[in-house]
N, C-alpha and C. Protein backbone atom coordinates (compact mmCIF):
# COMPACT_ATOMS: atom_id res chain seq x y z
N MET A 1 -35.50 7.93 61.25
CA MET A 1 -36.92 7.92 60.79
C MET A 1 -37.16 9.44 60.36
N ALA A 2 -37.00 9.69 59.09
CA ALA A 2 -37.06 11.05 58.55
C ALA A 2 -38.49 11.47 58.10
N TRP A 3 -39.40 10.38 57.99
CA TRP A 3 -40.78 10.73 57.64
C TRP A 3 -41.60 10.47 58.97
N GLY A 4 -42.68 11.12 58.84
CA GLY A 4 -43.54 11.13 60.05
C GLY A 4 -44.52 12.19 60.01
N VAL A 5 -45.55 12.08 60.79
CA VAL A 5 -46.71 13.11 60.81
C VAL A 5 -46.18 14.26 61.62
N GLY A 6 -45.20 14.10 62.53
CA GLY A 6 -44.70 15.22 63.20
C GLY A 6 -43.87 16.27 62.54
N GLY A 7 -43.45 15.93 61.23
CA GLY A 7 -42.75 16.83 60.34
C GLY A 7 -41.33 17.05 60.88
N PHE A 8 -40.60 16.04 61.35
CA PHE A 8 -39.40 16.24 61.81
C PHE A 8 -38.31 15.95 60.75
N LEU A 9 -38.50 16.72 59.63
CA LEU A 9 -37.59 16.54 58.50
C LEU A 9 -36.41 17.58 58.49
N LEU A 10 -36.56 18.52 59.16
CA LEU A 10 -35.53 19.64 59.13
C LEU A 10 -34.30 19.14 59.81
N THR A 11 -34.28 18.63 60.98
CA THR A 11 -33.05 18.14 61.58
C THR A 11 -32.28 17.16 60.76
N PRO A 12 -32.90 16.04 60.20
CA PRO A 12 -32.07 15.19 59.43
C PRO A 12 -31.40 15.90 58.09
N PHE A 13 -32.20 16.84 57.69
CA PHE A 13 -31.69 17.65 56.48
C PHE A 13 -30.47 18.40 56.89
N LEU A 14 -30.59 19.18 58.03
CA LEU A 14 -29.50 19.91 58.45
C LEU A 14 -28.22 19.03 58.77
N GLN A 15 -28.43 17.92 59.29
CA GLN A 15 -27.36 17.01 59.59
C GLN A 15 -26.80 16.51 58.26
N LYS A 16 -27.57 16.28 57.25
CA LYS A 16 -27.08 15.73 56.03
C LYS A 16 -26.24 16.77 55.31
N ILE A 17 -26.59 18.11 55.33
CA ILE A 17 -25.88 19.08 54.54
C ILE A 17 -24.62 19.67 55.26
N GLY A 18 -24.66 19.39 56.64
CA GLY A 18 -23.32 19.62 57.36
C GLY A 18 -23.55 21.03 57.97
N PHE A 19 -22.56 21.32 58.91
CA PHE A 19 -22.63 22.56 59.75
C PHE A 19 -22.46 23.77 58.84
N ALA A 20 -21.50 23.82 57.93
CA ALA A 20 -21.25 25.01 57.14
C ALA A 20 -22.34 25.42 56.25
N GLU A 21 -23.02 24.42 55.66
CA GLU A 21 -24.13 24.76 54.75
C GLU A 21 -25.42 25.22 55.56
N ALA A 22 -25.55 24.53 56.82
CA ALA A 22 -26.74 24.83 57.69
C ALA A 22 -26.56 26.30 58.23
N GLN A 23 -25.16 26.61 58.55
CA GLN A 23 -25.00 27.98 58.94
C GLN A 23 -25.33 29.04 57.85
N LYS A 24 -25.01 28.70 56.67
CA LYS A 24 -25.33 29.55 55.59
C LYS A 24 -26.86 29.88 55.49
N LEU A 25 -27.65 28.85 55.75
CA LEU A 25 -29.15 28.91 55.73
C LEU A 25 -29.57 29.80 56.89
N ARG A 26 -29.03 29.61 57.99
CA ARG A 26 -29.37 30.34 59.18
C ARG A 26 -29.12 31.82 58.88
N GLU A 27 -27.92 32.15 58.32
CA GLU A 27 -27.44 33.52 58.05
C GLU A 27 -28.47 34.21 57.08
N ARG A 28 -28.88 33.37 56.01
CA ARG A 28 -29.90 33.81 55.10
C ARG A 28 -31.28 34.24 55.73
N VAL A 29 -31.67 33.37 56.71
CA VAL A 29 -32.83 33.69 57.34
C VAL A 29 -32.77 34.90 58.10
N VAL A 30 -31.71 35.04 58.90
CA VAL A 30 -31.61 36.31 59.54
C VAL A 30 -31.44 37.62 58.75
N ALA A 31 -30.70 37.50 57.60
CA ALA A 31 -30.60 38.54 56.77
C ALA A 31 -31.92 38.96 56.08
N GLU A 32 -32.84 38.00 55.85
CA GLU A 32 -34.18 38.27 55.30
C GLU A 32 -35.30 38.33 56.30
N LEU A 33 -34.89 38.35 57.58
CA LEU A 33 -35.96 38.37 58.61
C LEU A 33 -37.03 39.56 58.45
N LYS A 34 -36.55 40.75 58.14
CA LYS A 34 -37.46 41.91 57.92
C LYS A 34 -37.94 42.12 56.42
N THR A 35 -37.66 41.19 55.56
CA THR A 35 -38.11 41.39 54.27
C THR A 35 -39.02 40.24 53.88
N THR A 36 -38.31 39.04 53.43
CA THR A 36 -38.99 37.84 53.04
C THR A 36 -39.88 37.32 54.17
N PHE A 37 -39.42 37.27 55.42
CA PHE A 37 -40.23 36.71 56.49
C PHE A 37 -40.95 37.65 57.25
N ALA A 38 -41.10 38.89 56.81
CA ALA A 38 -41.73 39.92 57.52
C ALA A 38 -43.31 39.78 57.54
N SER A 39 -43.99 40.17 58.59
CA SER A 39 -45.33 40.11 58.67
C SER A 39 -45.83 41.52 59.05
N HIS A 40 -46.88 41.94 58.39
CA HIS A 40 -47.43 43.28 58.60
C HIS A 40 -48.97 43.09 59.03
N TYR A 41 -49.28 43.58 60.02
CA TYR A 41 -50.63 43.46 60.61
C TYR A 41 -51.43 44.70 60.50
N THR A 42 -52.76 44.56 60.21
CA THR A 42 -53.50 45.73 60.10
C THR A 42 -53.72 46.25 61.57
N LYS A 43 -53.86 45.50 62.58
CA LYS A 43 -54.03 45.99 63.85
C LYS A 43 -53.67 44.89 64.88
N GLU A 44 -53.08 45.30 65.96
CA GLU A 44 -52.77 44.39 67.04
C GLU A 44 -53.73 44.50 68.19
N ILE A 45 -54.45 43.34 68.57
CA ILE A 45 -55.53 43.45 69.48
C ILE A 45 -55.35 42.52 70.56
N SER A 46 -55.95 42.91 71.82
CA SER A 46 -55.77 42.00 72.98
C SER A 46 -56.99 40.96 72.99
N LEU A 47 -56.88 40.02 73.78
CA LEU A 47 -57.93 39.10 73.93
C LEU A 47 -59.23 39.68 74.26
N ALA A 48 -59.29 40.69 75.02
CA ALA A 48 -60.48 41.33 75.59
C ALA A 48 -61.04 42.02 74.32
N GLU A 49 -60.21 42.72 73.50
CA GLU A 49 -60.64 43.35 72.32
C GLU A 49 -61.35 42.48 71.29
N ALA A 50 -60.74 41.27 71.23
CA ALA A 50 -61.16 40.26 70.24
C ALA A 50 -62.62 39.82 70.50
N LEU A 51 -63.04 40.13 71.69
CA LEU A 51 -64.41 39.61 72.01
C LEU A 51 -65.44 40.83 71.86
N GLN A 52 -65.04 42.01 71.37
CA GLN A 52 -65.90 43.16 71.10
C GLN A 52 -66.51 42.98 69.79
N LEU A 53 -67.77 43.28 69.63
CA LEU A 53 -68.52 43.10 68.42
C LEU A 53 -68.02 43.83 67.21
N ASP A 54 -67.70 45.08 67.39
CA ASP A 54 -67.02 45.86 66.24
C ASP A 54 -65.60 45.31 65.79
N VAL A 55 -64.96 44.82 66.76
CA VAL A 55 -63.60 44.27 66.47
C VAL A 55 -63.74 42.94 65.74
N ILE A 56 -64.73 42.13 66.21
CA ILE A 56 -65.04 40.70 65.56
C ILE A 56 -65.51 41.00 64.06
N ASN A 57 -66.25 42.09 63.91
CA ASN A 57 -66.72 42.41 62.53
C ASN A 57 -65.57 42.73 61.60
N ALA A 58 -64.61 43.51 62.28
CA ALA A 58 -63.41 43.89 61.49
C ALA A 58 -62.60 42.70 61.01
N TYR A 59 -62.15 41.81 61.97
CA TYR A 59 -61.31 40.67 61.66
C TYR A 59 -62.04 39.58 60.97
N ASN A 60 -63.33 39.62 61.00
CA ASN A 60 -63.97 38.42 60.33
C ASN A 60 -64.25 38.77 58.81
N LYS A 61 -63.95 40.01 58.32
CA LYS A 61 -64.24 40.31 57.05
C LYS A 61 -63.26 39.57 56.08
N LYS A 62 -62.08 39.03 56.64
CA LYS A 62 -61.03 38.22 55.80
C LYS A 62 -60.72 38.94 54.56
N SER A 63 -60.46 40.26 54.53
CA SER A 63 -60.07 40.96 53.44
C SER A 63 -58.60 40.66 53.03
N THR A 64 -58.36 40.69 51.68
CA THR A 64 -57.12 40.52 51.25
C THR A 64 -56.06 41.60 51.76
N GLY A 65 -55.02 41.19 52.27
CA GLY A 65 -53.95 41.95 52.79
C GLY A 65 -54.09 42.60 54.25
N GLU A 66 -55.28 42.06 54.82
CA GLU A 66 -55.48 42.53 56.23
C GLU A 66 -55.42 41.34 57.27
N LYS A 67 -54.56 41.49 58.21
CA LYS A 67 -54.39 40.34 59.25
C LYS A 67 -54.44 41.21 60.54
N PHE A 68 -54.91 40.43 61.49
CA PHE A 68 -55.05 40.99 62.87
C PHE A 68 -54.16 40.03 63.74
N LEU A 69 -53.24 40.63 64.57
CA LEU A 69 -52.54 39.97 65.57
C LEU A 69 -53.12 40.00 66.96
N ILE A 70 -53.45 38.89 67.52
CA ILE A 70 -54.10 38.80 68.66
C ILE A 70 -52.97 38.58 69.70
N ASN A 71 -52.67 39.65 70.55
CA ASN A 71 -51.51 39.57 71.60
C ASN A 71 -52.16 39.44 72.84
N PRO A 72 -51.99 38.16 73.58
CA PRO A 72 -52.61 37.85 74.82
C PRO A 72 -52.12 38.75 76.00
N ASN A 73 -50.92 39.35 75.68
CA ASN A 73 -50.21 40.19 76.79
C ASN A 73 -50.55 41.59 76.60
N LYS A 74 -51.30 41.97 75.58
CA LYS A 74 -51.60 43.36 75.46
C LYS A 74 -52.78 43.84 76.46
N GLY A 75 -52.55 44.93 77.11
CA GLY A 75 -53.52 45.42 77.99
C GLY A 75 -53.28 44.94 79.48
N LEU A 76 -52.31 44.08 79.68
CA LEU A 76 -52.09 43.69 80.98
C LEU A 76 -51.20 44.72 81.84
């Protein structure tokens, strides 16, 4: 069953193309991990900081090119 709401299409695709081609795709992801798949954040904030009014106003602006990463382990 390749169709479904769960989106389990990757596994059948990787089985279909074979190990060698799947390995090439994995190597491509690793090679492009810090370029194509890179994410840049304006600021990393903790859960406690996410509740402060000035921080809420900052990440609620939804400005182009600005992303905030909420790290639940920050500040522990």
